Protein backbone atom coordinates (compact mmCIF):
# COMPACT_ATOMS: atom_id res chain seq x y z
CA UNK A 1 20.37 19.79 -10.25
CA UNK A 2 19.23 22.93 -8.41
CA UNK A 3 16.80 20.96 -6.24
CA UNK A 4 19.51 18.47 -5.44
CA UNK A 5 21.80 21.29 -4.30
CA UNK A 6 19.06 22.65 -2.05
CA UNK A 7 18.42 19.14 -0.70
CA UNK A 8 22.11 18.63 0.09
CA UNK A 9 22.44 22.08 1.74
CA UNK A 10 19.38 21.42 3.94
CA UNK A 11 20.79 18.09 5.06
CA UNK A 12 24.11 19.74 5.77
CA UNK A 13 22.45 22.47 7.77
CA UNK A 14 20.63 20.03 10.00
CA UNK A 15 23.77 17.89 10.52
CA UNK A 16 25.71 21.10 11.33
CA UNK A 17 23.13 22.15 13.94
CA UNK A 18 23.12 18.69 15.46
CA UNK A 19 26.95 18.49 15.74
CA UNK A 20 27.21 22.08 17.03
CA UNK A 21 29.03 23.49 13.98
CA UNK A 22 26.06 25.41 12.62
CA UNK A 23 26.22 26.86 9.15
CA UNK A 24 29.84 25.90 8.69
CA UNK A 25 28.76 22.27 8.12
CA UNK A 26 26.11 23.42 5.55
CA UNK A 27 28.65 25.67 3.84
CA UNK A 28 31.08 22.73 3.67
CA UNK A 29 28.36 20.52 2.26
CA UNK A 30 27.40 23.09 -0.35
CA UNK A 31 31.00 23.72 -1.46
CA UNK A 32 31.83 20.04 -1.62
CA UNK A 33 28.64 19.27 -3.50
CA UNK A 34 29.48 21.99 -6.00
CA UNK A 35 33.01 20.64 -6.46
CA UNK A 36 31.65 17.12 -6.87
CA UNK A 37 29.06 18.37 -9.41
CA UNK A 38 31.76 20.07 -11.39
CA UNK A 39 34.00 17.01 -11.19
CA UNK A 40 31.20 14.65 -12.12
CA UNK A 41 30.33 16.81 -15.17
CA UNK A 42 33.87 16.29 -16.53
CA UNK A 43 34.89 12.99 -15.04
CA UNK A 44 31.79 10.93 -14.23
CA UNK A 45 32.30 8.80 -17.38
CA UNK A 46 35.84 7.96 -16.40
CA UNK A 47 34.79 7.20 -12.78
CA UNK A 48 31.94 4.92 -13.92
CA UNK A 49 33.97 3.04 -16.49
CA UNK A 50 36.86 2.51 -14.07
CA UNK A 51 34.47 1.35 -11.28
CA UNK A 52 33.08 -1.48 -13.50
CA UNK A 53 36.43 -2.47 -14.92
CA UNK A 54 35.58 -1.60 -18.53
CA UNK A 55 38.38 -1.58 -21.11
CA UNK A 56 38.43 0.55 -24.22
CA UNK A 57 38.68 -1.26 -27.54
CA UNK A 58 39.56 -0.24 -31.10
CA UNK A 59 38.02 -1.33 -34.43
CA UNK A 60 40.53 -4.13 -34.91
CA UNK A 61 39.53 -5.73 -31.57
CA UNK A 62 35.87 -6.25 -32.63
CA UNK A 63 35.12 -5.05 -36.13
CA UNK A 64 31.44 -6.10 -36.10
CA UNK A 65 30.62 -4.26 -32.86
CA UNK A 66 32.54 -1.15 -34.00
CA UNK A 67 30.82 -1.16 -37.40
CA UNK A 68 27.33 -1.44 -35.86
CA UNK A 69 27.97 1.56 -33.57
CA UNK A 70 29.61 3.53 -36.39
CA UNK A 71 26.61 2.96 -38.72
CA UNK A 72 24.08 3.90 -36.05
CA UNK A 73 26.03 7.06 -35.17
CA UNK A 74 25.99 8.06 -38.82
CA UNK A 75 22.24 7.32 -39.08
CA UNK A 76 21.50 9.38 -35.94
CA UNK A 77 23.81 12.25 -36.79
CA UNK A 78 26.12 11.55 -33.85
CA UNK A 79 29.92 11.65 -33.75
CA UNK A 80 31.54 8.25 -33.25
CA UNK A 81 31.65 7.31 -29.59
CA UNK A 82 34.31 5.48 -27.67
CA UNK A 83 33.68 1.78 -27.29
CA UNK A 84 34.28 -0.24 -24.09
CA UNK A 85 33.88 -3.86 -23.11
CA UNK A 86 33.23 -5.37 -19.65
CA UNK A 87 34.47 -8.86 -19.04
CA UNK A 88 31.35 -10.54 -17.53
CA UNK A 89 28.96 -13.32 -18.53
CA UNK A 90 25.97 -11.07 -17.73
CA UNK A 91 24.35 -9.61 -20.91
CA UNK A 92 24.11 -5.90 -20.48
CA UNK A 93 25.20 -2.49 -21.85
CA UNK A 94 25.29 1.17 -20.88
CA UNK A 95 26.37 4.55 -22.15
CA UNK A 96 28.09 7.40 -20.28
CA UNK A 97 29.72 10.79 -20.80
CA UNK A 98 28.73 14.45 -20.71
CA UNK A 99 27.66 15.09 -24.33
CA UNK A 100 27.70 13.38 -27.73
CA UNK A 101 31.25 14.58 -28.37
CA UNK A 102 32.48 13.08 -25.08
CA UNK A 103 30.57 9.85 -24.82
CA UNK A 104 31.23 6.10 -24.55
CA UNK A 105 29.21 2.99 -25.06
CA UNK A 106 30.07 -0.06 -22.98
CA UNK A 107 28.87 -3.62 -23.63
CA UNK A 108 29.54 -6.83 -21.70
CA UNK A 109 31.21 -9.84 -23.26
CA UNK A 110 28.02 -11.75 -22.27
CA UNK A 111 25.84 -9.61 -24.49
CA UNK A 112 28.26 -10.01 -27.41
CA UNK A 113 28.02 -13.80 -27.06
CA UNK A 114 24.26 -14.13 -26.54
CA UNK A 115 22.68 -11.61 -28.90
CA UNK A 116 22.58 -11.78 -32.70
CA UNK A 117 23.46 -8.75 -34.84
CA UNK A 118 19.87 -7.38 -35.12
CA UNK A 119 19.29 -7.69 -31.32
CA UNK A 120 22.69 -6.09 -30.59
CA UNK A 121 21.85 -3.27 -32.98
CA UNK A 122 18.58 -2.64 -31.01
CA UNK A 123 20.51 -2.46 -27.73
CA UNK A 124 23.14 -0.14 -29.14
CA UNK A 125 20.49 2.16 -30.68
CA UNK A 126 18.87 2.40 -27.23
CA UNK A 127 22.24 3.42 -25.70
CA UNK A 128 22.98 5.94 -28.45
CA UNK A 129 19.59 7.48 -27.84
CA UNK A 130 20.61 8.10 -24.23
CA UNK A 131 23.66 9.93 -25.64
CA UNK A 132 21.64 11.98 -28.07
CA UNK A 133 19.10 13.02 -25.44
CA UNK A 134 21.86 13.93 -22.93
CA UNK A 135 20.60 11.34 -20.43
CA UNK A 136 24.25 10.37 -19.95
CA UNK A 137 25.03 13.80 -18.50
CA UNK A 138 21.97 13.85 -16.24
CA UNK A 139 22.36 10.36 -14.82
CA UNK A 140 26.13 10.60 -14.40
CA UNK A 141 25.88 13.72 -12.30
CA UNK A 142 22.87 12.43 -10.33
CA UNK A 143 24.71 9.21 -9.55
CA UNK A 144 27.65 11.22 -8.06
CA UNK A 145 25.29 13.47 -6.01
CA UNK A 146 23.34 10.47 -4.66
CA UNK A 147 26.66 8.96 -3.56
CA UNK A 148 27.60 12.25 -1.88
CA UNK A 149 24.35 12.34 0.17
CA UNK A 150 25.22 8.88 1.46
CA UNK A 151 28.74 10.04 2.32
CA UNK A 152 27.34 13.07 4.19
CA UNK A 153 25.02 10.90 6.20
CA UNK A 154 27.82 8.47 6.98
CA UNK A 155 30.09 11.34 8.27
CA UNK A 156 27.30 12.54 10.55
CA UNK A 157 26.65 9.08 11.98
CA UNK A 158 30.39 8.59 12.60
CA UNK A 159 30.54 11.88 14.47
CA UNK A 160 27.46 10.86 16.47
CA UNK A 161 28.99 7.52 17.37
CA UNK A 162 32.49 8.85 18.25
CA UNK A 163 31.32 12.12 19.88
CA UNK A 164 32.86 14.60 17.39
CA UNK A 165 30.69 17.52 18.48
CA UNK A 166 31.33 21.14 19.27
CA UNK A 167 31.06 21.81 23.05
CA UNK A 168 30.74 25.57 22.98
CA UNK A 169 27.05 26.05 23.84
CA UNK A 170 24.73 26.86 26.73
CA UNK A 171 21.90 24.83 28.33
CA UNK A 172 19.19 26.25 25.92
CA UNK A 173 21.61 25.45 23.04
CA UNK A 174 21.92 21.95 24.44
CA UNK A 175 18.18 21.37 24.31
CA UNK A 176 17.95 22.72 20.79
CA UNK A 177 20.89 20.65 19.69
CA UNK A 178 19.26 17.43 21.03
CA UNK A 179 16.28 18.22 18.79
CA UNK A 180 18.55 18.65 15.78
CA UNK A 181 20.44 15.46 16.71
CA UNK A 182 17.10 13.59 16.58
CA UNK A 183 16.20 15.23 13.23
CA UNK A 184 19.71 14.56 12.03
CA UNK A 185 19.49 10.85 12.81
CA UNK A 186 16.19 10.64 10.97
CA UNK A 187 17.70 12.47 7.96
CA UNK A 188 20.82 10.35 8.04
CA UNK A 189 18.59 7.29 7.60
CA UNK A 190 16.04 8.78 5.17
CA UNK A 191 18.08 11.23 3.03
CA UNK A 192 20.06 8.60 1.10
CA UNK A 193 16.83 6.72 0.51
CA UNK A 194 15.06 9.87 -0.71
CA UNK A 195 17.98 10.79 -2.94
CA UNK A 196 17.97 7.31 -4.40
CA UNK A 197 14.23 7.38 -5.09
CA UNK A 198 14.66 10.67 -6.94
CA UNK A 199 17.46 9.11 -9.00
CA UNK A 200 15.52 5.90 -9.80
CA UNK A 201 12.34 7.79 -10.75
CA UNK A 202 14.35 9.86 -13.29
CA UNK A 203 16.07 6.66 -14.59
CA UNK A 204 12.81 4.81 -15.20
CA UNK A 205 11.31 7.62 -17.24
CA UNK A 206 14.39 7.91 -19.45
CA UNK A 207 14.41 4.21 -20.25
CA UNK A 208 10.98 4.33 -21.88
CA UNK A 209 12.08 7.29 -24.00
CA UNK A 210 15.35 5.59 -25.00
CA UNK A 211 13.48 2.48 -26.05
CA UNK A 212 11.18 4.54 -28.35
CA UNK A 213 14.02 6.64 -29.74
CA UNK A 214 16.16 3.54 -30.37
CA UNK A 215 13.37 1.90 -32.35
CA UNK A 216 12.89 5.12 -34.31
CA UNK A 217 16.52 4.77 -35.36
CA UNK A 218 16.49 1.04 -36.28
CA UNK A 219 12.89 0.88 -37.51
CA UNK A 220 12.73 -2.63 -36.02
CA UNK A 221 11.07 -2.88 -32.53
CA UNK A 222 11.32 -6.71 -32.44
CA UNK A 223 15.14 -6.52 -32.35
CA UNK A 224 15.20 -4.64 -29.05
CA UNK A 225 12.24 -6.60 -27.64
CA UNK A 226 13.93 -9.96 -28.28
CA UNK A 227 17.18 -8.62 -26.80
CA UNK A 228 15.45 -7.58 -23.65
CA UNK A 229 13.88 -11.03 -23.36
CA UNK A 230 17.33 -12.62 -23.52
CA UNK A 231 18.80 -10.11 -21.10
CA UNK A 232 15.93 -10.70 -18.63
CA UNK A 233 16.57 -14.49 -18.60
CA UNK A 234 19.96 -13.99 -17.00
CA UNK A 235 19.14 -13.86 -13.27
CA UNK A 236 22.54 -13.45 -11.60
CA UNK A 237 23.55 -9.95 -10.41
CA UNK A 238 26.78 -8.27 -11.53
CA UNK A 239 28.99 -7.94 -8.44
CA UNK A 240 31.17 -5.20 -9.99
CA UNK A 241 28.18 -2.86 -10.32
CA UNK A 242 27.03 -0.63 -7.40
CA UNK A 243 23.64 0.87 -6.65
CA UNK A 244 24.96 4.28 -7.76
CA UNK A 245 25.66 3.07 -11.33
CA UNK A 246 22.95 0.45 -11.81
CA UNK A 247 20.56 2.89 -13.49
CA UNK A 248 22.98 3.46 -16.32
CA UNK A 249 22.50 -0.06 -17.73
CA UNK A 250 19.85 -1.04 -20.27
CA UNK A 251 18.38 -3.43 -17.71
CA UNK A 252 19.05 -3.65 -13.97
CA UNK A 253 22.33 -5.49 -13.25
CA UNK A 254 21.29 -6.00 -9.55
CA UNK A 255 18.97 -8.93 -10.23
CA UNK A 256 18.03 -11.39 -7.53
CA UNK A 257 17.98 -8.75 -4.79
CA UNK A 258 14.24 -8.14 -4.55
CA UNK A 259 12.68 -7.80 -1.14
CA UNK A 260 9.08 -8.15 -2.25
CA UNK A 261 7.07 -6.92 -5.24
CA UNK A 262 5.72 -3.62 -3.84
CA UNK A 263 8.66 -2.60 -1.70
CA UNK A 264 11.35 -3.57 -4.21
CA UNK A 265 9.40 -1.79 -6.97
CA UNK A 266 10.17 1.56 -5.25
CA UNK A 267 13.87 0.88 -5.71
CA UNK A 268 13.79 -0.51 -9.25
CA UNK A 269 16.28 1.23 -11.51
CA UNK A 270 14.29 0.34 -14.57
CA UNK A 271 10.59 0.03 -15.46
CA UNK A 272 9.24 -3.58 -15.59
CA UNK A 273 10.83 -5.27 -18.56
CA UNK A 274 7.48 -6.93 -19.44
CA UNK A 275 5.97 -3.42 -19.93
CA UNK A 276 8.90 -2.38 -22.08
CA UNK A 277 8.59 -5.45 -24.28
CA UNK A 278 4.80 -5.05 -24.55
CA UNK A 279 5.15 -1.40 -25.64
CA UNK A 280 7.87 -2.27 -28.16
CA UNK A 281 5.73 -4.95 -29.78
CA UNK A 282 2.76 -2.60 -29.98
CA UNK A 283 4.70 -0.13 -32.15
């Protein structure tokens, strides 16, 4: 989090120098990033759930799903989470929130239709492990900050295009500003990519841990392994999911968007599903 704040402030400083507003731009970026971090801590779960169109359900709406989650929470020493459902054929699931007392698990209607009880239990144990390990807090805040870096870059490029620069400078300042404009353009292109790569690297590591922790809870690796095989067979992307929230899901919902094995691997939100299945079946 601290490194992200430094990163955002540095980007803001360069953009400020390029536009002629100096440290005021960096100060604005730092304050806004702080406000967004605070807001994302308390409201990231609501933002994420609303963005994907998830609806909260009660026990009477789906007793089997509710009972599975309730039993797993008891077994893992967690308070009962809120339960949400997304109306989509794609089989997937995710968890969100800031801590175990303020958490939610969301599943798609597709996963409820395609998985049996044991497989669904493996998926839900994986998601509850994210809650127990506080991955939900980390990834929720990181998702908001990555989005903010993209917004900051977009504001700068709009100013560059429409000429929204401060004119109070001398010739030497002009020359220095042109240098910062060049650096700013490079940063505007690369900073969202760098921020996304940081986000995705964190996400991939946490998926391996959640797989292992979920199996530790169910004591049945094959349940999650088979569930991942079924999820992997569904090749269509989920249009209601953005790049900022894709890393929250148990498997990438942005399927079918690869640009090549090596290049697309840099932007994978999850480790290769074949590796995850192989590790699960070696347990």
